[in-house]
Amino acid sequence: AAQDEATGEVVGILSKSTYFAKLVSYIVIADFARGRSSQIK
């Protein structure tokens, strides 16, 4: 039972971090695109 709880916790963290990773990568890509466009100017 304790292991099931731990597994459930890990799965919850992973699913949250997947969302978090998508959010971070989106921010990084948007920031990178902004940096590229400001360099072109």
Protein backbone atom coordinates (compact mmCIF):
# COMPACT_ATOMS: atom_id res chain seq x y z
CA ALA A 1 0.00 0.00 0.00
CA ALA A 2 2.83 2.38 0.86
CA GLN A 3 4.52 1.63 -2.45
CA ASP A 4 1.26 2.26 -4.32
CA GLU A 5 0.98 5.66 -2.64
CA ALA A 6 4.57 6.48 -3.55
CA THR A 7 3.96 5.40 -7.15
CA GLY A 8 0.82 7.52 -7.32
CA GLU A 9 2.77 10.49 -5.96
CA VAL A 10 5.51 10.02 -8.56
CA VAL A 11 2.95 9.74 -11.35
CA GLY A 12 1.29 12.93 -10.11
CA ILE A 13 4.62 14.75 -10.03
CA LEU A 14 5.51 13.47 -13.52
CA SER A 15 2.20 14.57 -15.02
CA LYS A 16 2.56 17.98 -13.38
CA SER A 17 6.17 18.28 -14.52
CA THR A 18 5.15 17.35 -18.07
CA TYR A 19 2.75 20.31 -18.04
CA PHE A 20 5.43 22.42 -16.36
CA ALA A 21 8.01 21.34 -18.95
CA LYS A 22 5.64 22.28 -21.79
CA LEU A 23 5.07 25.66 -20.16
CA VAL A 24 8.80 26.26 -19.67
CA SER A 25 9.69 25.16 -23.21
CA TYR A 26 6.97 27.44 -24.61
CA ILE A 27 8.37 30.38 -22.61
CA VAL A 28 11.93 29.55 -23.70
CA ILE A 29 10.91 29.26 -27.37
CA ALA A 30 8.93 32.53 -27.22
CA ASP A 31 11.85 34.26 -25.48
CA PHE A 32 14.30 32.82 -28.04
CA ALA A 33 12.10 33.99 -30.92
CA ARG A 34 11.93 37.48 -29.38
CA GLY A 35 15.71 37.49 -28.96
CA ARG A 36 16.19 36.47 -32.61
CA SER A 37 13.85 39.19 -33.91
CA SER A 38 15.51 41.87 -31.76
CA GLN A 39 18.94 40.78 -33.08
CA ILE A 40 17.73 41.12 -36.68
CA LYS A 41 16.79 44.74 -36.01
